Amino acid sequence: MKIRLLLDENLSEHLLSNMLRKAGYDVIWLQQLAPYGTIDESVLTIAAKEKRTLYTRDRDFLRLSEKVKNHSGIIFEYRNNESSHMTRQQILKALATIAKRHSSLKNQIVVINSFRY
């Protein structure tokens, strides 16, 4: 499966998107499509309309996905104070693994962190 990504506003547009584009991913940063501070429900609507999987670090999307049953998928990069942040190589490896394991991410949530994927 080829993953088309919509990067949430809580991600660095330049660093992450440039790395992902160089690796061959189709990536758009949310602020290319909507103003900063767009409500989360609208972000999921935009992702679905654009047929893109949302890549985020915002925990609110985990709760919201229980209410919004029709979305194009969410990749949640888990972070807390005790866990290390994922390196660029770990992110690329996680996305490659997701692409191999899933034929579609529609209505799915995939959690990645430095300890798995």
C-alpha atoms as a PDB file:
ATOM      1  CA  MET A   1       0.000   0.000   0.000  1.00  0.00           C
ATOM      2  CA  LYS A   2       1.164   3.527  -0.746  1.00  0.00           C
ATOM      3  CA  ILE A   3       0.540   5.850   2.204  1.00  0.00           C
ATOM      4  CA  ARG A   4      -0.532   9.414   1.421  1.00  0.00           C
ATOM      5  CA  LEU A   5       0.027  11.556   4.502  1.00  0.00           C
ATOM      6  CA  LEU A   6      -1.494  14.691   5.964  1.00  0.00           C
ATOM      7  CA  LEU A   7       0.850  16.030   8.641  1.00  0.00           C
ATOM      8  CA  ASP A   8      -0.921  17.597  11.597  1.00  0.00           C
ATOM      9  CA  GLU A   9      -0.010  21.122  12.650  1.00  0.00           C
ATOM     10  CA  ASN A  10       1.822  19.780  15.720  1.00  0.00           C
ATOM     11  CA  LEU A  11       4.576  18.424  13.466  1.00  0.00           C
ATOM     12  CA  SER A  12       7.471  20.338  11.981  1.00  0.00           C
ATOM     13  CA  GLU A  13       6.496  20.914   8.382  1.00  0.00           C
ATOM     14  CA  HIS A  14       9.992  21.391   7.051  1.00  0.00           C
ATOM     15  CA  LEU A  15      11.969  18.683   8.825  1.00  0.00           C
ATOM     16  CA  LEU A  16       9.525  15.812   8.720  1.00  0.00           C
ATOM     17  CA  SER A  17       7.848  16.544   5.408  1.00  0.00           C
ATOM     18  CA  ASN A  18      11.144  17.038   3.585  1.00  0.00           C
ATOM     19  CA  MET A  19      12.467  13.752   4.961  1.00  0.00           C
ATOM     20  CA  LEU A  20       9.289  11.915   3.984  1.00  0.00           C
ATOM     21  CA  ARG A  21       9.202  13.444   0.501  1.00  0.00           C
ATOM     22  CA  LYS A  22      12.825  12.435  -0.092  1.00  0.00           C
ATOM     23  CA  ALA A  23      11.827   8.897   0.886  1.00  0.00           C
ATOM     24  CA  GLY A  24       9.073   8.960  -1.750  1.00  0.00           C
ATOM     25  CA  TYR A  25       5.988   9.710   0.341  1.00  0.00           C
ATOM     26  CA  ASP A  26       3.166  11.936  -0.868  1.00  0.00           C
ATOM     27  CA  VAL A  27       2.963  14.458   1.997  1.00  0.00           C
ATOM     28  CA  ILE A  28       0.938  17.602   2.647  1.00  0.00           C
ATOM     29  CA  TRP A  29       1.149  19.702   5.801  1.00  0.00           C
ATOM     30  CA  LEU A  30      -2.241  20.661   7.235  1.00  0.00           C
ATOM     31  CA  GLN A  31      -1.522  24.389   6.969  1.00  0.00           C
ATOM     32  CA  GLN A  32      -1.327  24.048   3.194  1.00  0.00           C
ATOM     33  CA  LEU A  33      -5.055  23.240   3.267  1.00  0.00           C
ATOM     34  CA  ALA A  34      -6.449  24.922   6.394  1.00  0.00           C
ATOM     35  CA  PRO A  35      -5.570  27.694   8.853  1.00  0.00           C
ATOM     36  CA  TYR A  36      -3.633  27.023  12.033  1.00  0.00           C
ATOM     37  CA  GLY A  37      -5.959  26.019  14.863  1.00  0.00           C
ATOM     38  CA  THR A  38      -8.487  24.184  12.689  1.00  0.00           C
ATOM     39  CA  ILE A  39     -10.683  22.047  14.956  1.00  0.00           C
ATOM     40  CA  ASP A  40      -9.820  18.364  15.067  1.00  0.00           C
ATOM     41  CA  GLU A  41     -13.124  17.174  13.571  1.00  0.00           C
ATOM     42  CA  SER A  42     -12.439  19.360  10.533  1.00  0.00           C
ATOM     43  CA  VAL A  43      -8.898  17.984  10.270  1.00  0.00           C
ATOM     44  CA  LEU A  44     -10.298  14.450   9.957  1.00  0.00           C
ATOM     45  CA  THR A  45     -12.786  15.687   7.359  1.00  0.00           C
ATOM     46  CA  ILE A  46      -9.982  17.311   5.359  1.00  0.00           C
ATOM     47  CA  ALA A  47      -7.891  14.142   5.553  1.00  0.00           C
ATOM     48  CA  ALA A  48     -10.826  12.040   4.324  1.00  0.00           C
ATOM     49  CA  LYS A  49     -11.607  14.465   1.499  1.00  0.00           C
ATOM     50  CA  GLU A  50      -7.954  14.426   0.413  1.00  0.00           C
ATOM     51  CA  LYS A  51      -7.759  10.614   0.889  1.00  0.00           C
ATOM     52  CA  ARG A  52      -4.803  11.009   3.228  1.00  0.00           C
ATOM     53  CA  THR A  53      -3.834   9.334   6.473  1.00  0.00           C
ATOM     54  CA  LEU A  54      -3.391  11.815   9.306  1.00  0.00           C
ATOM     55  CA  TYR A  55       0.042  11.670  10.964  1.00  0.00           C
ATOM     56  CA  THR A  56      -0.121  13.304  14.377  1.00  0.00           C
ATOM     57  CA  ARG A  57       1.237  13.464  17.916  1.00  0.00           C
ATOM     58  CA  ASP A  58      -2.012  14.908  19.274  1.00  0.00           C
ATOM     59  CA  ARG A  59      -3.723  12.478  21.687  1.00  0.00           C
ATOM     60  CA  ASP A  60      -7.068  14.184  21.110  1.00  0.00           C
ATOM     61  CA  PHE A  61      -7.362  12.314  17.819  1.00  0.00           C
ATOM     62  CA  LEU A  62      -7.341   8.982  19.664  1.00  0.00           C
ATOM     63  CA  ARG A  63     -10.491   9.988  21.565  1.00  0.00           C
ATOM     64  CA  LEU A  64     -12.052  11.640  18.551  1.00  0.00           C
ATOM     65  CA  SER A  65     -11.616   8.541  16.399  1.00  0.00           C
ATOM     66  CA  GLU A  66     -14.042   6.720  18.705  1.00  0.00           C
ATOM     67  CA  LYS A  67     -16.733   9.244  17.748  1.00  0.00           C
ATOM     68  CA  VAL A  68     -15.843   9.761  14.081  1.00  0.00           C
ATOM     69  CA  LYS A  69     -16.332   6.339  12.539  1.00  0.00           C
ATOM     70  CA  ASN A  70     -15.524   7.303   8.960  1.00  0.00           C
ATOM     71  CA  HIS A  71     -11.990   8.628   8.619  1.00  0.00           C
ATOM     72  CA  SER A  72      -9.080   7.858   6.324  1.00  0.00           C
ATOM     73  CA  GLY A  73      -6.797   6.561   9.063  1.00  0.00           C
ATOM     74  CA  ILE A  74      -4.590   7.965  11.790  1.00  0.00           C
ATOM     75  CA  ILE A  75      -0.934   7.296  12.487  1.00  0.00           C
ATOM     76  CA  PHE A  76      -0.260   8.470  16.037  1.00  0.00           C
ATOM     77  CA  GLU A  77       3.371   8.953  17.058  1.00  0.00           C
ATOM     78  CA  TYR A  78       3.348   8.365  20.805  1.00  0.00           C
ATOM     79  CA  ARG A  79       5.604  10.521  22.947  1.00  0.00           C
ATOM     80  CA  ASN A  80       5.912  11.074  26.653  1.00  0.00           C
ATOM     81  CA  ASN A  81       8.581  12.402  28.983  1.00  0.00           C
ATOM     82  CA  GLU A  82      10.100   8.977  29.567  1.00  0.00           C
ATOM     83  CA  SER A  83      10.229   7.686  26.005  1.00  0.00           C
ATOM     84  CA  SER A  84      12.755   8.858  23.505  1.00  0.00           C
ATOM     85  CA  HIS A  85      11.559  10.568  20.363  1.00  0.00           C
ATOM     86  CA  MET A  86      11.612   8.551  17.209  1.00  0.00           C
ATOM     87  CA  THR A  87      14.553   9.114  14.932  1.00  0.00           C
ATOM     88  CA  ARG A  88      14.019   9.813  11.260  1.00  0.00           C
ATOM     89  CA  GLN A  89      15.101   6.269  10.449  1.00  0.00           C
ATOM     90  CA  GLN A  90      12.620   4.828  12.970  1.00  0.00           C
ATOM     91  CA  ILE A  91       9.787   6.860  11.445  1.00  0.00           C
ATOM     92  CA  LEU A  92      10.654   5.677   7.941  1.00  0.00           C
ATOM     93  CA  LYS A  93      10.910   2.075   9.134  1.00  0.00           C
ATOM     94  CA  ALA A  94       7.544   2.353  10.910  1.00  0.00           C
ATOM     95  CA  LEU A  95       5.841   3.731   7.801  1.00  0.00           C
ATOM     96  CA  ALA A  96       7.355   1.007   5.619  1.00  0.00           C
ATOM     97  CA  THR A  97       6.138  -1.639   8.077  1.00  0.00           C
ATOM     98  CA  ILE A  98       2.652  -0.123   8.152  1.00  0.00           C
ATOM     99  CA  ALA A  99       2.528  -0.090   4.346  1.00  0.00           C
ATOM    100  CA  LYS A 100       3.482  -3.787   4.242  1.00  0.00           C
ATOM    101  CA  ARG A 101       1.052  -4.898   6.956  1.00  0.00           C
ATOM    102  CA  HIS A 102      -2.046  -2.956   5.948  1.00  0.00           C
ATOM    103  CA  SER A 103      -3.919  -2.933   2.674  1.00  0.00           C
ATOM    104  CA  SER A 104      -5.822   0.143   3.892  1.00  0.00           C
ATOM    105  CA  LEU A 105      -5.772   2.417   6.936  1.00  0.00           C
ATOM    106  CA  LYS A 106      -9.379   3.548   6.521  1.00  0.00           C
ATOM    107  CA  ASN A 107     -10.984   3.882   9.967  1.00  0.00           C
ATOM    108  CA  GLN A 108      -7.858   2.509  11.644  1.00  0.00           C
ATOM    109  CA  ILE A 109      -5.482   3.952  14.210  1.00  0.00           C
ATOM    110  CA  VAL A 110      -1.862   2.837  14.211  1.00  0.00           C
ATOM    111  CA  VAL A 111       0.274   3.876  17.179  1.00  0.00           C
ATOM    112  CA  ILE A 112       4.005   4.088  16.630  1.00  0.00           C
ATOM    113  CA  ASN A 113       6.779   4.933  19.060  1.00  0.00           C
ATOM    114  CA  SER A 114      10.495   4.340  19.509  1.00  0.00           C
ATOM    115  CA  PHE A 115       9.850   0.883  20.993  1.00  0.00           C
ATOM    116  CA  ARG A 116       7.725  -0.683  18.251  1.00  0.00           C
ATOM    117  CA  TYR A 117       7.413  -0.733  14.475  1.00  0.00           C
END
